[in-house]
Amino acid sequence: MNSADDEIKFVVVVRKDLGMGVGKIAGQVGHACSTVVWENPDRVANWFKYGNQKKAILKVQSESELIEIIKKAQAYGIITTIIRDAGKTQIEPNTMTCCGFGPDYSTKLDRLTGHLKLL
């Protein structure tokens, strides 16, 4: 249950096992942010209006760890925005690099990702 003062936020979880440089990571996080806006305009409008566009960038150490979180998010009804790289620079084509979760209530996202560390 969400209280009236529960914030809305967006969380991006990045795979650290890929050895991406900081610029590559920034690009992948940017893809997650722009894709969620494009694919979920109504939900994002509430995030813009009521959530001050709050976001957190977190990390996991493996693809399997990210997949586990994605499965839980989907079971909880949280929007998932999976980003796969085109393979033009540092990463093999179609590699899952990160995933965006939400925008949704902070309490809901914290249950999913609260155990992860900031990037």
PDB file of N, CA and C in Angstrom:
ATOM      1  N   MET A   1       0.847  -1.178   0.000  1.00  0.00           N
ATOM      2  CA  MET A   1       0.000   0.000   0.000  1.00  0.00           C
ATOM      3  C   MET A   1       0.890   1.238   0.000  1.00  0.00           C
ATOM      4  N   ASN A   2       0.526   2.231  -0.772  1.00  0.00           N
ATOM      5  CA  ASN A   2       1.306   3.457  -0.901  1.00  0.00           C
ATOM      6  C   ASN A   2       0.586   4.602  -0.208  1.00  0.00           C
ATOM      7  N   SER A   3       1.338   5.372   0.567  1.00  0.00           N
ATOM      8  CA  SER A   3       0.749   6.531   1.226  1.00  0.00           C
ATOM      9  C   SER A   3       0.688   7.694   0.250  1.00  0.00           C
ATOM     10  N   ALA A   4      -0.102   8.690   0.609  1.00  0.00           N
ATOM     11  CA  ALA A   4      -0.274   9.852  -0.267  1.00  0.00           C
ATOM     12  C   ALA A   4       1.031  10.600  -0.479  1.00  0.00           C
ATOM     13  N   ASP A   5       1.959  10.487   0.473  1.00  0.00           N
ATOM     14  CA  ASP A   5       3.225  11.214   0.334  1.00  0.00           C
ATOM     15  C   ASP A   5       4.358  10.337  -0.201  1.00  0.00           C
ATOM     16  N   ASP A   6       4.053   9.137  -0.673  1.00  0.00           N
ATOM     17  CA  ASP A   6       5.066   8.254  -1.244  1.00  0.00           C
ATOM     18  C   ASP A   6       5.547   8.844  -2.569  1.00  0.00           C
ATOM     19  N   GLU A   7       6.840   9.028  -2.699  1.00  0.00           N
ATOM     20  CA  GLU A   7       7.402   9.623  -3.914  1.00  0.00           C
ATOM     21  C   GLU A   7       7.363   8.644  -5.085  1.00  0.00           C
ATOM     22  N   ILE A   8       7.366   9.211  -6.278  1.00  0.00           N
ATOM     23  CA  ILE A   8       7.486   8.430  -7.504  1.00  0.00           C
ATOM     24  C   ILE A   8       8.918   8.588  -7.992  1.00  0.00           C
ATOM     25  N   LYS A   9       9.538   7.473  -8.376  1.00  0.00           N
ATOM     26  CA  LYS A   9      10.906   7.548  -8.890  1.00  0.00           C
ATOM     27  C   LYS A   9      11.110   6.519  -9.993  1.00  0.00           C
ATOM     28  N   PHE A  10      12.264   6.611 -10.614  1.00  0.00           N
ATOM     29  CA  PHE A  10      12.695   5.707 -11.679  1.00  0.00           C
ATOM     30  C   PHE A  10      14.054   5.173 -11.272  1.00  0.00           C
ATOM     31  N   VAL A  11      14.252   3.869 -11.413  1.00  0.00           N
ATOM     32  CA  VAL A  11      15.511   3.239 -11.030  1.00  0.00           C
ATOM     33  C   VAL A  11      16.109   2.569 -12.261  1.00  0.00           C
ATOM     34  N   VAL A  12      17.404   2.766 -12.488  1.00  0.00           N
ATOM     35  CA  VAL A  12      18.116   2.051 -13.541  1.00  0.00           C
ATOM     36  C   VAL A  12      19.167   1.181 -12.865  1.00  0.00           C
ATOM     37  N   VAL A  13      19.182  -0.101 -13.229  1.00  0.00           N
ATOM     38  CA  VAL A  13      20.161  -1.042 -12.689  1.00  0.00           C
ATOM     39  C   VAL A  13      21.105  -1.427 -13.821  1.00  0.00           C
ATOM     40  N   VAL A  14      22.403  -1.211 -13.593  1.00  0.00           N
ATOM     41  CA  VAL A  14      23.445  -1.386 -14.600  1.00  0.00           C
ATOM     42  C   VAL A  14      24.289  -2.616 -14.277  1.00  0.00           C
ATOM     43  N   ARG A  15      24.635  -3.376 -15.297  1.00  0.00           N
ATOM     44  CA  ARG A  15      25.542  -4.527 -15.137  1.00  0.00           C
ATOM     45  C   ARG A  15      26.992  -4.048 -15.081  1.00  0.00           C
ATOM     46  N   LYS A  16      27.662  -4.337 -13.976  1.00  0.00           N
ATOM     47  CA  LYS A  16      29.069  -3.952 -13.821  1.00  0.00           C
ATOM     48  C   LYS A  16      30.021  -5.009 -14.370  1.00  0.00           C
ATOM     49  N   ASP A  17      29.554  -6.213 -14.608  1.00  0.00           N
ATOM     50  CA  ASP A  17      30.423  -7.289 -15.087  1.00  0.00           C
ATOM     51  C   ASP A  17      30.880  -7.089 -16.526  1.00  0.00           C
ATOM     52  N   LEU A  18      30.269  -6.167 -17.244  1.00  0.00           N
ATOM     53  CA  LEU A  18      30.608  -5.958 -18.655  1.00  0.00           C
ATOM     54  C   LEU A  18      31.840  -5.089 -18.852  1.00  0.00           C
ATOM     55  N   GLY A  19      32.280  -4.406 -17.819  1.00  0.00           N
ATOM     56  CA  GLY A  19      33.462  -3.552 -17.942  1.00  0.00           C
ATOM     57  C   GLY A  19      33.243  -2.334 -18.823  1.00  0.00           C
ATOM     58  N   MET A  20      32.026  -1.823 -18.869  1.00  0.00           N
ATOM     59  CA  MET A  20      31.741  -0.643 -19.692  1.00  0.00           C
ATOM     60  C   MET A  20      32.426   0.584 -19.113  1.00  0.00           C
ATOM     61  N   GLY A  21      32.919   1.447 -19.978  1.00  0.00           N
ATOM     62  CA  GLY A  21      33.480   2.718 -19.551  1.00  0.00           C
ATOM     63  C   GLY A  21      32.374   3.648 -19.079  1.00  0.00           C
ATOM     64  N   VAL A  22      32.764   4.732 -18.417  1.00  0.00           N
ATOM     65  CA  VAL A  22      31.755   5.643 -17.859  1.00  0.00           C
ATOM     66  C   VAL A  22      30.879   6.272 -18.946  1.00  0.00           C
ATOM     67  N   GLY A  23      31.463   6.583 -20.081  1.00  0.00           N
ATOM     68  CA  GLY A  23      30.672   7.152 -21.173  1.00  0.00           C
ATOM     69  C   GLY A  23      29.657   6.162 -21.715  1.00  0.00           C
ATOM     70  N   LYS A  24      30.065   4.913 -21.835  1.00  0.00           N
ATOM     71  CA  LYS A  24      29.163   3.860 -22.311  1.00  0.00           C
ATOM     72  C   LYS A  24      28.016   3.661 -21.321  1.00  0.00           C
ATOM     73  N   ILE A  25      28.348   3.624 -20.025  1.00  0.00           N
ATOM     74  CA  ILE A  25      27.314   3.484 -18.997  1.00  0.00           C
ATOM     75  C   ILE A  25      26.335   4.655 -19.073  1.00  0.00           C
ATOM     76  N   ALA A  26      26.866   5.860 -19.207  1.00  0.00           N
ATOM     77  CA  ALA A  26      25.999   7.041 -19.299  1.00  0.00           C
ATOM     78  C   ALA A  26      25.052   6.917 -20.491  1.00  0.00           C
ATOM     79  N   GLY A  27      25.556   6.441 -21.606  1.00  0.00           N
ATOM     80  CA  GLY A  27      24.721   6.256 -22.790  1.00  0.00           C
ATOM     81  C   GLY A  27      23.627   5.229 -22.574  1.00  0.00           C
ATOM     82  N   GLN A  28      23.963   4.121 -21.930  1.00  0.00           N
ATOM     83  CA  GLN A  28      22.984   3.065 -21.682  1.00  0.00           C
ATOM     84  C   GLN A  28      21.892   3.538 -20.717  1.00  0.00           C
ATOM     85  N   VAL A  29      22.293   4.259 -19.675  1.00  0.00           N
ATOM     86  CA  VAL A  29      21.316   4.829 -18.737  1.00  0.00           C
ATOM     87  C   VAL A  29      20.421   5.830 -19.476  1.00  0.00           C
ATOM     88  N   GLY A  30      21.013   6.618 -20.362  1.00  0.00           N
ATOM     89  CA  GLY A  30      20.233   7.551 -21.177  1.00  0.00           C
ATOM     90  C   GLY A  30      19.211   6.831 -22.041  1.00  0.00           C
ATOM     91  N   HIS A  31      19.604   5.688 -22.609  1.00  0.00           N
ATOM     92  CA  HIS A  31      18.659   4.894 -23.400  1.00  0.00           C
ATOM     93  C   HIS A  31      17.486   4.429 -22.537  1.00  0.00           C
ATOM     94  N   ALA A  32      17.775   3.996 -21.311  1.00  0.00           N
ATOM     95  CA  ALA A  32      16.704   3.546 -20.409  1.00  0.00           C
ATOM     96  C   ALA A  32      15.739   4.691 -20.107  1.00  0.00           C
ATOM     97  N   CYS A  33      16.283   5.866 -19.850  1.00  0.00           N
ATOM     98  CA  CYS A  33      15.440   7.031 -19.534  1.00  0.00           C
ATOM     99  C   CYS A  33      14.591   7.453 -20.726  1.00  0.00           C
ATOM    100  N   SER A  34      15.191   7.532 -21.895  1.00  0.00           N
ATOM    101  CA  SER A  34      14.424   7.983 -23.063  1.00  0.00           C
ATOM    102  C   SER A  34      13.422   6.923 -23.519  1.00  0.00           C
ATOM    103  N   THR A  35      13.775   5.656 -23.390  1.00  0.00           N
ATOM    104  CA  THR A  35      12.863   4.588 -23.807  1.00  0.00           C
ATOM    105  C   THR A  35      11.628   4.533 -22.923  1.00  0.00           C
ATOM    106  N   VAL A  36      11.809   4.677 -21.608  1.00  0.00           N
ATOM    107  CA  VAL A  36      10.637   4.636 -20.728  1.00  0.00           C
ATOM    108  C   VAL A  36       9.697   5.804 -21.020  1.00  0.00           C
ATOM    109  N   VAL A  37      10.240   6.953 -21.369  1.00  0.00           N
ATOM    110  CA  VAL A  37       9.405   8.108 -21.731  1.00  0.00           C
ATOM    111  C   VAL A  37       8.614   7.801 -22.998  1.00  0.00           C
ATOM    112  N   TRP A  38       9.268   7.241 -23.977  1.00  0.00           N
ATOM    113  CA  TRP A  38       8.643   6.943 -25.262  1.00  0.00           C
ATOM    114  C   TRP A  38       7.552   5.873 -25.126  1.00  0.00           C
ATOM    115  N   GLU A  39       7.834   4.823 -24.334  1.00  0.00           N
ATOM    116  CA  GLU A  39       6.930   3.679 -24.261  1.00  0.00           C
ATOM    117  C   GLU A  39       5.807   3.824 -23.227  1.00  0.00           C
ATOM    118  N   ASN A  40       5.947   4.754 -22.276  1.00  0.00           N
ATOM    119  CA  ASN A  40       4.977   4.876 -21.183  1.00  0.00           C
ATOM    120  C   ASN A  40       4.636   6.333 -20.892  1.00  0.00           C
ATOM    121  N   PRO A  41       4.137   7.069 -21.871  1.00  0.00           N
ATOM    122  CA  PRO A  41       3.956   8.514 -21.686  1.00  0.00           C
ATOM    123  C   PRO A  41       3.026   8.895 -20.536  1.00  0.00           C
ATOM    124  N   ASP A  42       1.966   8.133 -20.304  1.00  0.00           N
ATOM    125  CA  ASP A  42       1.035   8.491 -19.224  1.00  0.00           C
ATOM    126  C   ASP A  42       1.676   8.320 -17.851  1.00  0.00           C
ATOM    127  N   ARG A  43       2.376   7.208 -17.649  1.00  0.00           N
ATOM    128  CA  ARG A  43       3.036   6.967 -16.361  1.00  0.00           C
ATOM    129  C   ARG A  43       4.136   7.993 -16.139  1.00  0.00           C
ATOM    130  N   VAL A  44       4.862   8.300 -17.174  1.00  0.00           N
ATOM    131  CA  VAL A  44       5.959   9.265 -17.057  1.00  0.00           C
ATOM    132  C   VAL A  44       5.423  10.660 -16.757  1.00  0.00           C
ATOM    133  N   ALA A  45       4.260  10.996 -17.285  1.00  0.00           N
ATOM    134  CA  ALA A  45       3.673  12.315 -17.007  1.00  0.00           C
ATOM    135  C   ALA A  45       3.460  12.505 -15.508  1.00  0.00           C
ATOM    136  N   ASN A  46       3.007  11.468 -14.814  1.00  0.00           N
ATOM    137  CA  ASN A  46       2.841  11.553 -13.356  1.00  0.00           C
ATOM    138  C   ASN A  46       4.182  11.688 -12.648  1.00  0.00           C
ATOM    139  N   TRP A  47       5.190  10.998 -13.138  1.00  0.00           N
ATOM    140  CA  TRP A  47       6.539  11.087 -12.567  1.00  0.00           C
ATOM    141  C   TRP A  47       7.056  12.514 -12.712  1.00  0.00           C
ATOM    142  N   PHE A  48       6.860  13.100 -13.877  1.00  0.00           N
ATOM    143  CA  PHE A  48       7.286  14.483 -14.098  1.00  0.00           C
ATOM    144  C   PHE A  48       6.514  15.439 -13.204  1.00  0.00           C
ATOM    145  N   LYS A  49       5.198  15.213 -13.077  1.00  0.00           N
ATOM    146  CA  LYS A  49       4.345  16.135 -12.338  1.00  0.00           C
ATOM    147  C   LYS A  49       4.497  15.997 -10.827  1.00  0.00           C
ATOM    148  N   TYR A  50       4.584  14.765 -10.332  1.00  0.00           N
ATOM    149  CA  TYR A  50       4.559  14.539  -8.882  1.00  0.00           C
ATOM    150  C   TYR A  50       5.861  13.999  -8.304  1.00  0.00           C
ATOM    151  N   GLY A  51       6.772  13.537  -9.129  1.00  0.00           N
ATOM    152  CA  GLY A  51       7.961  12.876  -8.607  1.00  0.00           C
ATOM    153  C   GLY A  51       9.240  13.662  -8.740  1.00  0.00           C
ATOM    154  N   ASN A  52       9.169  14.867  -9.278  1.00  0.00           N
ATOM    155  CA  ASN A  52      10.372  15.682  -9.484  1.00  0.00           C
ATOM    156  C   ASN A  52      11.446  14.935 -10.259  1.00  0.00           C
ATOM    157  N   GLN A  53      11.044  13.973 -11.050  1.00  0.00           N
ATOM    158  CA  GLN A  53      11.935  13.168 -11.876  1.00  0.00           C
ATOM    159  C   GLN A  53      13.040  12.505 -11.054  1.00  0.00           C
ATOM    160  N   LYS A  54      12.720  12.102  -9.837  1.00  0.00           N
ATOM    161  CA  LYS A  54      13.691  11.425  -8.967  1.00  0.00           C
ATOM    162  C   LYS A  54      14.113  10.110  -9.613  1.00  0.00           C
ATOM    163  N   LYS A  55      15.424   9.853  -9.571  1.00  0.00           N
ATOM    164  CA  LYS A  55      15.936   8.601 -10.119  1.00  0.00           C
ATOM    165  C   LYS A  55      17.136   8.123  -9.327  1.00  0.00           C
ATOM    166  N   ALA A  56      17.392   6.827  -9.395  1.00  0.00           N
ATOM    167  CA  ALA A  56      18.558   6.221  -8.753  1.00  0.00           C
ATOM    168  C   ALA A  56      19.206   5.282  -9.756  1.00  0.00           C
ATOM    169  N   ILE A  57      20.537   5.300  -9.798  1.00  0.00           N
ATOM    170  CA  ILE A  57      21.287   4.414 -10.682  1.00  0.00           C
ATOM    171  C   ILE A  57      22.047   3.437  -9.786  1.00  0.00           C
ATOM    172  N   LEU A  58      21.713   2.162  -9.929  1.00  0.00           N
ATOM    173  CA  LEU A  58      22.256   1.119  -9.072  1.00  0.00           C
ATOM    174  C   LEU A  58      23.034   0.110  -9.905  1.00  0.00           C
ATOM    175  N   LYS A  59      23.699  -0.842  -9.234  1.00  0.00           N
ATOM    176  CA  LYS A  59      24.522  -1.802  -9.971  1.00  0.00           C
ATOM    177  C   LYS A  59      24.272  -3.231  -9.514  1.00  0.00           C
ATOM    178  N   VAL A  60      24.479  -4.150 -10.458  1.00  0.00           N
ATOM    179  CA  VAL A  60      24.527  -5.583 -10.189  1.00  0.00           C
ATOM    180  C   VAL A  60      25.819  -6.112 -10.792  1.00  0.00           C
ATOM    181  N   GLN A  61      26.185  -7.321 -10.399  1.00  0.00           N
ATOM    182  CA  GLN A  61      27.458  -7.891 -10.843  1.00  0.00           C
ATOM    183  C   GLN A  61      27.318  -8.920 -11.957  1.00  0.00           C
ATOM    184  N   SER A  62      26.081  -9.228 -12.380  1.00  0.00           N
ATOM    185  CA  SER A  62      25.919 -10.249 -13.418  1.00  0.00           C
ATOM    186  C   SER A  62      24.579 -10.112 -14.140  1.00  0.00           C
ATOM    187  N   GLU A  63      24.515 -10.730 -15.305  1.00  0.00           N
ATOM    188  CA  GLU A  63      23.268 -10.764 -16.058  1.00  0.00           C
ATOM    189  C   GLU A  63      22.206 -11.554 -15.294  1.00  0.00           C
ATOM    190  N   SER A  64      22.607 -12.669 -14.685  1.00  0.00           N
ATOM    191  CA  SER A  64      21.628 -13.491 -13.964  1.00  0.00           C
ATOM    192  C   SER A  64      21.007 -12.726 -12.798  1.00  0.00           C
ATOM    193  N   GLU A  65      21.794 -11.898 -12.125  1.00  0.00           N
ATOM    194  CA  GLU A  65      21.270 -11.078 -11.034  1.00  0.00           C
ATOM    195  C   GLU A  65      20.244 -10.071 -11.566  1.00  0.00           C
ATOM    196  N   LEU A  66      20.537  -9.469 -12.714  1.00  0.00           N
ATOM    197  CA  LEU A  66      19.606  -8.512 -13.314  1.00  0.00           C
ATOM    198  C   LEU A  66      18.326  -9.213 -13.770  1.00  0.00           C
ATOM    199  N   ILE A  67      18.460 -10.380 -14.367  1.00  0.00           N
ATOM    200  CA  ILE A  67      17.286 -11.130 -14.827  1.00  0.00           C
ATOM    201  C   ILE A  67      16.375 -11.489 -13.655  1.00  0.00           C
ATOM    202  N   GLU A  68      16.963 -11.869 -12.533  1.00  0.00           N
ATOM    203  CA  GLU A  68      16.174 -12.193 -11.339  1.00  0.00           C
ATOM    204  C   GLU A  68      15.344 -10.984 -10.883  1.00  0.00           C
ATOM    205  N   ILE A  69      15.956  -9.809 -10.909  1.00  0.00           N
ATOM    206  CA  ILE A  69      15.249  -8.584 -10.512  1.00  0.00           C
ATOM    207  C   ILE A  69      14.155  -8.247 -11.523  1.00  0.00           C
ATOM    208  N   ILE A  70      14.435  -8.425 -12.801  1.00  0.00           N
ATOM    209  CA  ILE A  70      13.435  -8.173 -13.846  1.00  0.00           C
ATOM    210  C   ILE A  70      12.213  -9.070 -13.643  1.00  0.00           C
ATOM    211  N   LYS A  71      12.436 -10.347 -13.374  1.00  0.00           N
ATOM    212  CA  LYS A  71      11.322 -11.282 -13.163  1.00  0.00           C
ATOM    213  C   LYS A  71      10.468 -10.863 -11.970  1.00  0.00           C
ATOM    214  N   LYS A  72      11.107 -10.450 -10.885  1.00  0.00           N
ATOM    215  CA  LYS A  72      10.370  -9.989  -9.705  1.00  0.00           C
ATOM    216  C   LYS A  72       9.577  -8.726 -10.038  1.00  0.00           C
ATOM    217  N   ALA A  73      10.201  -7.806 -10.761  1.00  0.00           N
ATOM    218  CA  ALA A  73       9.524  -6.556 -11.127  1.00  0.00           C
ATOM    219  C   ALA A  73       8.277  -6.841 -11.948  1.00  0.00           C
ATOM    220  N   GLN A  74       8.398  -7.725 -12.904  1.00  0.00           N
ATOM    221  CA  GLN A  74       7.255  -8.057 -13.746  1.00  0.00           C
ATOM    222  C   GLN A  74       6.144  -8.704 -12.922  1.00  0.00           C
ATOM    223  N   ALA A  75       6.508  -9.536 -11.943  1.00  0.00           N
ATOM    224  CA  ALA A  75       5.515 -10.151 -11.059  1.00  0.00           C
ATOM    225  C   ALA A  75       4.822  -9.105 -10.189  1.00  0.00           C
ATOM    226  N   TYR A  76       5.543  -8.044  -9.817  1.00  0.00           N
ATOM    227  CA  TYR A  76       4.984  -6.957  -9.003  1.00  0.00           C
ATOM    228  C   TYR A  76       4.212  -5.939  -9.835  1.00  0.00           C
ATOM    229  N   GLY A  77       4.225  -6.087 -11.163  1.00  0.00           N
ATOM    230  CA  GLY A  77       3.536  -5.136 -12.029  1.00  0.00           C
ATOM    231  C   GLY A  77       4.298  -3.843 -12.250  1.00  0.00           C
ATOM    232  N   ILE A  78       5.610  -3.879 -12.063  1.00  0.00           N
ATOM    233  CA  ILE A  78       6.464  -2.703 -12.268  1.00  0.00           C
ATOM    234  C   ILE A  78       6.913  -2.674 -13.725  1.00  0.00           C
ATOM    235  N   ILE A  79       6.859  -1.514 -14.343  1.00  0.00           N
ATOM    236  CA  ILE A  79       7.339  -1.354 -15.719  1.00  0.00           C
ATOM    237  C   ILE A  79       8.823  -1.694 -15.769  1.00  0.00           C
ATOM    238  N   THR A  80       9.211  -2.518 -16.742  1.00  0.00           N
ATOM    239  CA  THR A  80      10.628  -2.830 -16.956  1.00  0.00           C
ATOM    240  C   THR A  80      11.029  -2.362 -18.348  1.00  0.00           C
ATOM    241  N   THR A  81      12.157  -1.680 -18.411  1.00  0.00           N
ATOM    242  CA  THR A  81      12.682  -1.164 -19.673  1.00  0.00           C
ATOM    243  C   THR A  81      14.065  -1.768 -19.877  1.00  0.00           C
ATOM    244  N   ILE A  82      14.103  -2.896 -20.579  1.00  0.00           N
ATOM    245  CA  ILE A  82      15.354  -3.623 -20.791  1.00  0.00           C
ATOM    246  C   ILE A  82      16.112  -2.981 -21.945  1.00  0.00           C
ATOM    247  N   ILE A  83      17.393  -2.695 -21.714  1.00  0.00           N
ATOM    248  CA  ILE A  83      18.238  -2.087 -22.739  1.00  0.00           C
ATOM    249  C   ILE A  83      19.266  -3.110 -23.213  1.00  0.00           C
ATOM    250  N   ARG A  84      19.312  -3.296 -24.519  1.00  0.00           N
ATOM    251  CA  ARG A  84      20.290  -4.194 -25.149  1.00  0.00           C
ATOM    252  C   ARG A  84      21.143  -3.354 -26.093  1.00  0.00           C
ATOM    253  N   ASP A  85      22.433  -3.585 -26.051  1.00  0.00           N
ATOM    254  CA  ASP A  85      23.357  -2.773 -26.838  1.00  0.00           C
ATOM    255  C   ASP A  85      23.351  -3.178 -28.311  1.00  0.00           C
ATOM    256  N   ALA A  86      23.574  -2.205 -29.173  1.00  0.00           N
ATOM    257  CA  ALA A  86      23.638  -2.449 -30.616  1.00  0.00           C
ATOM    258  C   ALA A  86      24.950  -3.109 -31.028  1.00  0.00           C
ATOM    259  N   GLY A  87      25.958  -3.054 -30.168  1.00  0.00           N
ATOM    260  CA  GLY A  87      27.220  -3.728 -30.449  1.00  0.00           C
ATOM    261  C   GLY A  87      28.158  -2.968 -31.359  1.00  0.00           C
ATOM    262  N   LYS A  88      28.058  -1.655 -31.393  1.00  0.00           N
ATOM    263  CA  LYS A  88      28.901  -0.866 -32.296  1.00  0.00           C
ATOM    264  C   LYS A  88      30.197  -0.390 -31.656  1.00  0.00           C
ATOM    265  N   THR A  89      30.323  -0.503 -30.334  1.00  0.00           N
ATOM    266  CA  THR A  89      31.551  -0.014 -29.687  1.00  0.00           C
ATOM    267  C   THR A  89      32.142  -1.063 -28.752  1.00  0.00           C
ATOM    268  N   GLN A  90      31.806  -1.018 -27.475  1.00  0.00           N
ATOM    269  CA  GLN A  90      32.483  -1.832 -26.465  1.00  0.00           C
ATOM    270  C   GLN A  90      31.856  -3.195 -26.196  1.00  0.00           C
ATOM    271  N   ILE A  91      30.611  -3.386 -26.550  1.00  0.00           N
ATOM    272  CA  ILE A  91      29.835  -4.544 -26.115  1.00  0.00           C
ATOM    273  C   ILE A  91      29.349  -5.338 -27.328  1.00  0.00           C
ATOM    274  N   GLU A  92      29.231  -6.651 -27.157  1.00  0.00           N
ATOM    275  CA  GLU A  92      28.699  -7.509 -28.222  1.00  0.00           C
ATOM    276  C   GLU A  92      27.237  -7.148 -28.510  1.00  0.00           C
ATOM    277  N   PRO A  93      26.810  -7.285 -29.774  1.00  0.00           N
ATOM    278  CA  PRO A  93      25.423  -6.968 -30.118  1.00  0.00           C
ATOM    279  C   PRO A  93      24.424  -7.758 -29.277  1.00  0.00           C
ATOM    280  N   ASN A  94      23.328  -7.104 -28.926  1.00  0.00           N
ATOM    281  CA  ASN A  94      22.195  -7.685 -28.207  1.00  0.00           C
ATOM    282  C   ASN A  94      22.496  -8.039 -26.748  1.00  0.00           C
ATOM    283  N   THR A  95      23.592  -7.523 -26.203  1.00  0.00           N
ATOM    284  CA  THR A  95      23.916  -7.751 -24.795  1.00  0.00           C
ATOM    285  C   THR A  95      23.039  -6.864 -23.920  1.00  0.00           C
ATOM    286  N   MET A  96      22.399  -7.468 -22.910  1.00  0.00           N
ATOM    287  CA  MET A  96      21.610  -6.691 -21.952  1.00  0.00           C
ATOM    288  C   MET A  96      22.583  -5.919 -21.068  1.00  0.00           C
ATOM    289  N   THR A  97      22.503  -4.589 -21.112  1.00  0.00           N
ATOM    290  CA  THR A  97      23.439  -3.745 -20.358  1.00  0.00           C
ATOM    291  C   THR A  97      22.838  -3.181 -19.083  1.00  0.00           C
ATOM    292  N   CYS A  98      21.536  -2.899 -19.112  1.00  0.00           N
ATOM    293  CA  CYS A  98      20.872  -2.324 -17.943  1.00  0.00           C
ATOM    294  C   CYS A  98      19.373  -2.484 -18.101  1.00  0.00           C
ATOM    295  N   CYS A  99      18.666  -2.128 -17.046  1.00  0.00           N
ATOM    296  CA  CYS A  99      17.205  -2.153 -17.096  1.00  0.00           C
ATOM    297  C   CYS A  99      16.664  -1.029 -16.237  1.00  0.00           C
ATOM    298  N   GLY A 100      15.670  -0.339 -16.753  1.00  0.00           N
ATOM    299  CA  GLY A 100      14.961   0.671 -15.983  1.00  0.00           C
ATOM    300  C   GLY A 100      13.736   0.058 -15.330  1.00  0.00           C
ATOM    301  N   PHE A 101      13.434   0.523 -14.128  1.00  0.00           N
ATOM    302  CA  PHE A 101      12.272   0.039 -13.377  1.00  0.00           C
ATOM    303  C   PHE A 101      11.425   1.233 -12.963  1.00  0.00           C
ATOM    304  N   GLY A 102      10.142   1.195 -13.333  1.00  0.00           N
ATOM    305  CA  GLY A 102       9.256   2.305 -13.028  1.00  0.00           C
ATOM    306  C   GLY A 102       9.093   3.188 -14.257  1.00  0.00           C
ATOM    307  N   PRO A 103       8.695   4.443 -14.002  1.00  0.00           N
ATOM    308  CA  PRO A 103       8.526   5.097 -12.710  1.00  0.00           C
ATOM    309  C   PRO A 103       7.382   4.466 -11.914  1.00  0.00           C
ATOM    310  N   ASP A 104       7.612   4.412 -10.592  1.00  0.00           N
ATOM    311  CA  ASP A 104       6.642   3.832  -9.680  1.00  0.00           C
ATOM    312  C   ASP A 104       6.894   4.398  -8.286  1.00  0.00           C
ATOM    313  N   TYR A 105       6.070   3.982  -7.348  1.00  0.00           N
ATOM    314  CA  TYR A 105       6.233   4.464  -5.976  1.00  0.00           C
ATOM    315  C   TYR A 105       7.545   3.973  -5.376  1.00  0.00           C
ATOM    316  N   SER A 106       8.206   4.852  -4.629  1.00  0.00           N
ATOM    317  CA  SER A 106       9.492   4.528  -4.009  1.00  0.00           C
ATOM    318  C   SER A 106       9.406   3.287  -3.141  1.00  0.00           C
ATOM    319  N   THR A 107       8.347   3.160  -2.358  1.00  0.00           N
ATOM    320  CA  THR A 107       8.237   1.992  -1.481  1.00  0.00           C
ATOM    321  C   THR A 107       8.194   0.696  -2.281  1.00  0.00           C
ATOM    322  N   LYS A 108       7.535   0.720  -3.410  1.00  0.00           N
ATOM    323  CA  LYS A 108       7.440  -0.466  -4.271  1.00  0.00           C
ATOM    324  C   LYS A 108       8.801  -0.791  -4.892  1.00  0.00           C
ATOM    325  N   LEU A 109       9.481   0.235  -5.398  1.00  0.00           N
ATOM    326  CA  LEU A 109      10.790   0.020  -6.014  1.00  0.00           C
ATOM    327  C   LEU A 109      11.849  -0.347  -4.983  1.00  0.00           C
ATOM    328  N   ASP A 110      11.745   0.204  -3.782  1.00  0.00           N
ATOM    329  CA  ASP A 110      12.716  -0.125  -2.735  1.00  0.00           C
ATOM    330  C   ASP A 110      12.621  -1.589  -2.325  1.00  0.00           C
ATOM    331  N   ARG A 111      11.421  -2.162  -2.349  1.00  0.00           N
ATOM    332  CA  ARG A 111      11.277  -3.600  -2.065  1.00  0.00           C
ATOM    333  C   ARG A 111      12.021  -4.427  -3.103  1.00  0.00           C
ATOM    334  N   LEU A 112      12.076  -3.917  -4.319  1.00  0.00           N
ATOM    335  CA  LEU A 112      12.710  -4.632  -5.428  1.00  0.00           C
ATOM    336  C   LEU A 112      14.221  -4.420  -5.468  1.00  0.00           C
ATOM    337  N   THR A 113      14.663  -3.177  -5.258  1.00  0.00           N
ATOM    338  CA  THR A 113      16.077  -2.833  -5.490  1.00  0.00           C
ATOM    339  C   THR A 113      16.788  -2.253  -4.272  1.00  0.00           C
ATOM    340  N   GLY A 114      16.126  -2.213  -3.135  1.00  0.00           N
ATOM    341  CA  GLY A 114      16.706  -1.585  -1.945  1.00  0.00           C
ATOM    342  C   GLY A 114      17.986  -2.225  -1.451  1.00  0.00           C
ATOM    343  N   HIS A 115      18.233  -3.465  -1.827  1.00  0.00           N
ATOM    344  CA  HIS A 115      19.445  -4.169  -1.404  1.00  0.00           C
ATOM    345  C   HIS A 115      20.659  -3.848  -2.280  1.00  0.00           C
ATOM    346  N   LEU A 116      20.450  -3.168  -3.399  1.00  0.00           N
ATOM    347  CA  LEU A 116      21.543  -2.874  -4.335  1.00  0.00           C
ATOM    348  C   LEU A 116      22.283  -1.609  -3.933  1.00  0.00           C
ATOM    349  N   LYS A 117      23.544  -1.534  -4.354  1.00  0.00           N
ATOM    350  CA  LYS A 117      24.374  -0.359  -4.074  1.00  0.00           C
ATOM    351  C   LYS A 117      24.302   0.618  -5.241  1.00  0.00           C
ATOM    352  N   LEU A 118      24.515   1.894  -4.915  1.00  0.00           N
ATOM    353  CA  LEU A 118      24.581   2.921  -5.953  1.00  0.00           C
ATOM    354  C   LEU A 118      25.743   2.650  -6.892  1.00  0.00           C
ATOM    355  N   LEU A 119      25.556   3.001  -8.152  1.00  0.00           N
ATOM    356  CA  LEU A 119      26.630   2.860  -9.132  1.00  0.00           C
ATOM    357  C   LEU A 119      27.740   3.821  -8.773  1.00  0.00           C
TER     358      LEU A 119
END
